[in-house]
Protein backbone atom coordinates (compact mmCIF):
# COMPACT_ATOMS: atom_id res chain seq x y z
CA MET A 1 -147.24 -38.51 150.74
CA THR A 2 -145.38 -41.95 150.00
CA ASP A 3 -145.55 -44.26 153.25
CA ALA A 4 -142.19 -45.52 152.77
CA TRP A 5 -142.74 -48.10 155.87
CA ALA A 6 -145.97 -49.68 154.50
CA GLU A 7 -144.22 -52.56 152.60
CA LEU A 8 -142.25 -53.49 155.84
CA ARG A 9 -145.16 -52.86 158.21
CA ASN A 10 -146.99 -55.83 156.12
CA THR A 11 -144.42 -58.21 156.86
CA THR A 12 -144.38 -58.14 160.39
CA ARG A 13 -147.33 -57.76 163.19
CA ALA A 14 -144.33 -55.42 165.08
CA ARG A 15 -145.07 -51.60 165.56
CA ILE A 16 -142.75 -50.10 163.39
CA GLY A 17 -142.92 -47.00 161.19
CA LEU A 18 -145.82 -45.46 163.18
CA GLY A 19 -145.09 -41.93 161.91
CA ARG A 20 -146.36 -38.96 163.88
CA ALA A 21 -148.83 -36.20 164.43
CA GLY A 22 -147.10 -33.00 165.97
CA ASN A 23 -145.08 -34.26 168.92
CA ALA A 24 -147.42 -37.12 169.30
CA LEU A 25 -148.51 -40.58 167.71
CA PRO A 26 -151.59 -40.43 164.75
CA THR A 27 -154.62 -41.14 166.48
CA ARG A 28 -155.35 -44.46 164.47
CA ARG A 29 -151.64 -46.03 165.84
CA VAL A 30 -153.25 -44.83 169.47
CA LEU A 31 -156.11 -46.69 168.76
CA GLU A 32 -154.63 -49.57 167.61
CA LEU A 33 -152.33 -49.93 170.65
CA ARG A 34 -155.10 -49.28 172.95
CA ALA A 35 -157.04 -52.10 171.64
CA ALA A 36 -154.09 -54.39 171.46
CA HIS A 37 -153.90 -53.71 174.74
CA SER A 38 -157.35 -54.49 176.09
CA ALA A 39 -157.23 -57.95 173.59
CA ALA A 40 -154.40 -59.02 175.64
CA ARG A 41 -155.48 -57.99 178.91
CA ASP A 42 -159.32 -60.13 177.73
CA ALA A 43 -156.95 -62.94 176.96
CA VAL A 44 -155.56 -63.01 180.46
CA HIS A 45 -158.71 -63.07 182.64
CA GLU A 46 -161.29 -64.60 180.30
CA PRO A 47 -161.75 -68.46 181.58
CA LEU A 48 -161.64 -71.25 179.32
CA ASP A 49 -164.67 -72.84 177.95
CA VAL A 50 -164.09 -76.38 178.79
CA GLU A 51 -166.76 -77.92 177.44
CA THR A 52 -166.13 -76.63 173.93
CA PHE A 53 -162.78 -77.25 174.36
CA ALA A 54 -163.12 -80.97 175.40
CA ALA A 55 -165.47 -81.38 172.54
CA GLN A 56 -162.60 -80.05 170.08
CA VAL A 57 -159.95 -82.32 171.60
CA ALA A 58 -162.26 -85.11 171.43
CA GLY A 59 -162.97 -84.76 168.02
CA VAL A 60 -159.15 -85.15 167.14
CA GLY A 61 -160.13 -88.81 167.70
CA VAL A 62 -157.69 -89.90 170.61
CA GLY A 63 -160.48 -90.15 173.40
CA ALA A 64 -162.80 -87.85 175.42
CA PRO A 65 -160.40 -85.67 177.60
CA ILE A 66 -160.05 -85.78 180.73
CA VAL A 67 -160.51 -82.36 183.06
CA VAL A 68 -158.48 -81.33 186.13
CA HIS A 69 -158.09 -78.36 187.90
CA SER A 70 -155.06 -76.61 190.05
CA ARG A 71 -155.66 -75.65 193.48
CA ALA A 72 -156.24 -71.97 192.39
CA ARG A 73 -159.85 -71.47 192.99
CA ASP A 74 -160.78 -68.85 190.39
CA ARG A 75 -158.98 -66.77 187.66
CA SER A 76 -158.22 -63.84 190.41
CA GLU A 77 -156.01 -66.20 192.68
CA TYR A 78 -154.54 -67.99 189.88
CA LEU A 79 -152.96 -64.55 188.32
CA ARG A 80 -152.38 -63.74 192.03
CA ARG A 81 -150.77 -67.45 193.47
CA PRO A 82 -148.31 -68.86 190.74
CA ASP A 83 -147.91 -71.66 192.85
CA LEU A 84 -151.35 -72.77 193.47
CA GLY A 85 -151.17 -73.48 189.62
CA ARG A 86 -148.75 -75.52 189.62
CA ILE A 87 -150.41 -78.56 192.20
CA PRO A 88 -153.54 -80.12 191.11
CA THR A 89 -156.59 -80.27 193.48
CA SER A 90 -156.79 -84.12 192.74
CA LEU A 91 -155.56 -86.63 190.10
CA ASP A 92 -158.53 -89.30 191.06
CA SER A 93 -159.36 -89.25 187.21
CA VAL A 94 -155.84 -89.91 185.86
CA SER A 95 -154.69 -93.40 185.57
CA GLY A 96 -151.85 -94.92 183.73
CA ALA A 97 -152.80 -96.78 180.50
CA GLY A 98 -148.97 -97.77 179.30
CA ALA A 99 -148.73 -94.62 177.10
CA ASP A 100 -145.48 -93.18 176.28
CA ILE A 101 -146.44 -89.56 175.92
CA GLY A 102 -148.91 -87.44 177.75
CA VAL A 103 -150.59 -84.22 176.40
CA VAL A 104 -151.65 -82.05 178.96
CA PHE A 105 -153.69 -78.84 177.95
CA ALA A 106 -153.05 -76.02 180.53
CA ASP A 107 -155.31 -72.65 179.99
CA GLY A 108 -152.49 -70.69 181.34
CA LEU A 109 -152.23 -66.85 180.18
CA SER A 110 -154.12 -67.13 177.42
CA PRO A 111 -156.83 -69.56 177.78
CA ARG A 112 -158.35 -68.74 173.98
CA ALA A 113 -154.92 -69.69 172.57
CA LEU A 114 -156.27 -73.27 173.15
CA THR A 115 -159.82 -73.30 171.71
CA ASP A 116 -158.22 -71.06 168.67
CA HIS A 117 -155.33 -73.63 168.23
CA GLY A 118 -155.00 -76.46 170.26
CA ALA A 119 -157.12 -79.09 168.64
CA THR A 120 -155.53 -78.68 165.29
CA LEU A 121 -152.22 -78.81 167.18
CA LEU A 122 -153.19 -81.84 168.67
CA ALA A 123 -154.01 -83.44 165.63
CA GLU A 124 -150.41 -82.95 164.09
CA LEU A 125 -149.13 -84.17 166.75
CA VAL A 126 -150.78 -87.29 167.03
CA GLU A 127 -149.80 -87.53 162.85
CA VAL A 128 -146.29 -87.10 163.58
CA LEU A 129 -145.74 -89.06 166.77
CA GLY A 130 -148.55 -91.63 166.69
CA GLU A 131 -146.59 -93.82 164.85
CA ARG A 132 -143.64 -94.13 166.80
CA TYR A 133 -145.57 -93.73 170.14
CA ARG A 134 -148.40 -94.56 172.23
CA ILE A 135 -150.16 -91.22 173.37
CA ALA A 136 -152.46 -91.09 176.56
CA THR A 137 -155.88 -89.70 176.69
CA PRO A 138 -155.38 -85.84 176.65
CA VAL A 139 -155.76 -83.90 179.89
CA ILE A 140 -157.33 -80.53 180.06
CA ALA A 141 -156.09 -78.42 183.25
CA THR A 142 -157.76 -75.10 184.21
CA GLU A 143 -155.89 -72.59 186.05
CA ALA A 144 -152.81 -74.20 185.41
CA ARG A 145 -149.19 -73.52 185.07
CA VAL A 146 -146.52 -75.59 183.12
CA ALA A 147 -145.47 -77.25 186.14
CA LEU A 148 -148.80 -79.15 187.01
CA GLY A 149 -148.07 -81.21 184.00
CA ASP A 150 -145.25 -82.94 186.24
CA HIS A 151 -148.15 -84.42 188.29
CA VAL A 152 -150.07 -85.30 185.64
CA GLY A 153 -147.26 -87.40 183.62
CA GLN A 154 -146.55 -89.09 186.67
CA ALA A 155 -149.81 -90.20 187.25
CA LEU A 156 -150.34 -91.55 184.05
CA GLY A 157 -147.07 -93.34 184.02
CA VAL A 158 -145.55 -91.71 180.88
CA ALA A 159 -141.80 -91.27 179.80
CA THR A 160 -142.34 -88.07 178.42
CA VAL A 161 -145.23 -85.20 179.27
CA LEU A 162 -146.06 -82.18 176.90
CA VAL A 163 -147.74 -79.18 178.07
CA VAL A 164 -149.42 -77.24 175.72
CA ILE A 165 -150.27 -73.89 177.30
CA GLY A 166 -151.32 -70.51 176.38
CA GLU A 167 -148.54 -68.06 176.64
CA ARG A 168 -148.49 -64.37 177.71
CA PRO A 169 -150.27 -62.07 175.76
CA GLY A 170 -148.44 -59.45 174.32
CA LEU A 171 -149.50 -56.40 172.18
CA SER A 172 -148.80 -58.05 168.79
CA VAL A 173 -150.42 -61.40 169.44
CA ALA A 174 -153.07 -62.81 172.09
CA ASP A 175 -153.72 -66.35 171.05
CA SER A 176 -150.02 -67.75 171.25
CA LEU A 177 -149.18 -71.07 172.33
CA GLY A 178 -146.00 -73.03 173.91
CA ILE A 179 -145.18 -76.78 174.30
CA TYR A 180 -142.93 -77.43 177.01
CA LEU A 181 -141.79 -80.70 177.20
CA THR A 182 -140.19 -82.79 179.84
CA HIS A 183 -138.96 -86.03 179.92
CA LEU A 184 -139.17 -88.44 182.90
CA PRO A 185 -141.90 -86.05 184.70
CA VAL A 186 -142.09 -85.79 188.45
CA PRO A 187 -143.29 -83.29 190.68
CA GLY A 188 -140.10 -81.67 191.13
CA ARG A 189 -138.80 -80.99 188.07
CA VAL A 190 -137.82 -76.96 187.20
CA ASP A 191 -137.40 -75.15 184.21
CA ALA A 192 -133.83 -76.40 183.20
CA ASP A 193 -135.40 -79.59 182.95
CA ARG A 194 -137.46 -78.76 180.08
CA ASN A 195 -137.76 -77.90 176.37
CA CYS A 196 -140.16 -75.31 174.74
CA VAL A 197 -141.35 -74.81 171.69
CA SER A 198 -143.09 -71.18 171.17
CA ASN A 199 -144.98 -68.82 169.43
CA ILE A 200 -147.33 -70.86 167.96
CA HIS A 201 -150.09 -69.43 165.96
CA PRO A 202 -150.14 -69.81 162.24
CA PRO A 203 -150.34 -67.53 160.02
CA ASP A 204 -147.92 -65.33 161.64
CA GLY A 205 -146.47 -67.40 164.21
CA LEU A 206 -145.01 -71.07 163.85
CA GLY A 207 -147.20 -73.13 162.09
CA TYR A 208 -148.65 -76.63 163.78
CA ARG A 209 -146.72 -79.02 161.48
CA ASP A 210 -143.70 -77.73 162.33
CA ALA A 211 -144.03 -77.54 165.84
CA ALA A 212 -145.41 -80.76 165.55
CA LEU A 213 -141.75 -81.94 163.69
CA VAL A 214 -139.83 -80.22 166.20
CA VAL A 215 -141.36 -81.66 169.25
CA SER A 216 -141.23 -85.00 167.86
CA ALA A 217 -137.38 -84.58 167.49
CA LEU A 218 -136.98 -83.20 170.92
CA VAL A 219 -138.79 -86.49 172.28
CA ASP A 220 -136.65 -88.78 170.21
CA GLY A 221 -133.20 -86.87 171.46
CA ALA A 222 -134.59 -86.95 174.90
CA ARG A 223 -135.20 -90.70 175.04
CA ARG A 224 -131.97 -91.18 173.58
CA LEU A 225 -130.14 -89.02 175.68
CA GLY A 226 -132.39 -90.06 179.04
CA ARG A 227 -133.42 -86.45 179.84
CA SER A 228 -134.71 -83.05 178.39
CA GLY A 229 -133.90 -79.70 179.07
CA VAL A 230 -130.65 -77.86 178.98
CA ALA A 231 -128.49 -80.93 177.68
CA LEU A 232 -131.30 -81.09 174.37
CA LYS A 233 -130.96 -78.54 171.76
CA ASP A 234 -132.67 -78.26 168.49
CA THR A 235 -130.29 -76.62 166.04
CA SER A 236 -132.04 -76.99 162.69
CA ARG A 237 -133.20 -73.17 162.21
CA ALA A 238 -129.88 -72.26 163.06
CA ASP A 239 -128.58 -73.96 160.13
CA PRO A 240 -129.65 -72.30 156.65
CA LEU A 241 -128.95 -75.26 154.83
CA ALA A 242 -130.56 -77.60 157.10
CA SER A 243 -133.33 -80.19 156.08
CA PRO A 244 -136.84 -79.54 156.95
CA SER A 245 -136.62 -82.08 159.73
CA PRO A 246 -134.87 -80.72 162.74
CA ILE A 247 -131.60 -81.96 163.50
CA LEU A 248 -130.59 -82.14 167.18
CA GLU A 249 -127.37 -81.53 168.91
CA LEU A 250 -127.51 -83.78 172.18
């Protein structure tokens, strides 16, 4: 029998047209679901290999990264106490260097997303932003939430901080990155003060270059506007006739 859903399934990682075996799903589909669930759980609990990732970041050519830690003592406490992941234990190793943009790599809820995509994404960010802005030495933050980047950004003395973080895994992808942009970072910023570029995991998600272009436009817009967050919008993908470079509505 011809599977009418086969062609559509090849265009998405979503679970569509799974079929049935009697009153249940086919065994193959059940096993696929269990495997995806296991991959998501593993991605959340697996700690970041800091040494390996630091070597990848250093290879981009923007300096050996600085490593900081949140107040969460281990992965278990990080998952149980989100508040501890928002505050660093110490930033003595972080200091201002006259840069414009800081980049913080946070392991978040998918540390493997950093090792899979982080260094290549950084290379694109440096290429797109580096001609106009000075980029600080990257910072790697473990057991970290997005808000920890505000502390790092303030310590770096940058106008804008980019927190590149492993996103919460789902049943279709376990290695997706998000970039949270905060202009004039200080502790106490809230989600409404940030812009997010998410679902970065080529080839099935947003590509590195496309993500870097959107971030670049948001950085430019935040500087013109004097703030980031809900007042700053990327509208390029809302217009099918838009040029490849993002259009901002401020």
